[in-house]
Amino acid sequence: MATDSRAKDYLGTVGELIHLISERKSYWLAPVIFALLLVAALGFFLEGSVLAPAIYSIF
C-alpha cells in the first residue's frame, strides 16, 4: 500500500512539473530535467551492482 501511495505522489509531482513548464513556456528546462532524471535513474538502478563504484567516482 505504501508503494502505491509513493507512486501516486511521484506521478503527481511529475504532472505538476510538466504543467509548470508548459504554463511558463520554459521549454529549455525540459532537457535539464531529463538529464537529471537520467542520472538519478542510473544511480538508482546501479546501486547494488559492480559498476556502482565506477559511476560514483565519475560524479
Protein backbone atom coordinates (compact mmCIF):
# COMPACT_ATOMS: atom_id res chain seq x y z
CA MET A 1 0.00 0.00 0.00
CA ALA A 2 2.86 2.40 0.77
CA THR A 3 4.43 1.82 -2.64
CA ASP A 4 1.16 2.69 -4.36
CA SER A 5 0.92 5.92 -2.39
CA ARG A 6 4.52 6.86 -3.17
CA ALA A 7 3.97 6.19 -6.88
CA LYS A 8 0.90 8.44 -6.92
CA ASP A 9 2.85 11.20 -5.15
CA TYR A 10 5.68 10.86 -7.67
CA LEU A 11 3.33 10.99 -10.67
CA GLY A 12 1.55 13.99 -9.16
CA THR A 13 4.88 15.79 -8.80
CA VAL A 14 5.88 14.98 -12.37
CA GLY A 15 2.50 16.19 -13.63
CA GLU A 16 2.85 19.46 -11.75
CA LEU A 17 6.35 19.92 -13.17
CA ILE A 18 5.13 19.35 -16.73
CA HIS A 19 2.25 21.77 -16.15
CA LEU A 20 4.67 24.40 -14.83
CA ILE A 21 6.97 24.05 -17.82
CA SER A 22 4.13 24.33 -20.31
CA GLU A 23 2.42 27.22 -18.49
CA ARG A 24 5.56 29.32 -18.14
CA LYS A 25 6.88 28.37 -21.61
CA SER A 26 10.18 27.27 -20.07
CA TYR A 27 10.89 24.60 -22.64
CA TRP A 28 14.62 24.98 -22.14
CA LEU A 29 14.20 23.31 -18.73
CA ALA A 30 12.97 20.05 -20.26
CA PRO A 31 16.44 18.77 -21.36
CA VAL A 32 17.93 19.76 -17.99
CA ILE A 33 15.24 17.88 -16.09
CA PHE A 34 15.54 14.90 -18.43
CA ALA A 35 19.30 14.72 -17.84
CA LEU A 36 18.84 14.92 -14.07
CA LEU A 37 16.23 12.17 -14.16
CA LEU A 38 18.52 10.03 -16.30
CA VAL A 39 21.39 10.41 -13.83
CA ALA A 40 19.05 9.68 -10.90
CA ALA A 41 17.71 6.54 -12.62
CA LEU A 42 21.25 5.41 -13.39
CA GLY A 43 22.23 5.83 -9.75
CA PHE A 44 19.11 4.03 -8.56
CA PHE A 45 19.41 1.00 -10.83
CA LEU A 46 23.18 0.58 -10.44
CA GLU A 47 23.12 0.95 -6.67
CA GLY A 48 23.80 -2.69 -5.89
CA SER A 49 25.81 -3.62 -8.95
CA VAL A 50 29.51 -3.99 -9.56
CA LEU A 51 29.52 -0.83 -11.69
CA ALA A 52 28.37 1.40 -8.83
CA PRO A 53 31.88 2.39 -7.64
CA ALA A 54 32.83 3.41 -11.18
CA ILE A 55 29.71 5.53 -11.56
CA TYR A 56 30.20 7.19 -8.18
CA SER A 57 33.82 8.03 -8.96
CA ILE A 58 32.72 9.89 -12.11
CA PHE A 59 30.46 12.19 -10.14
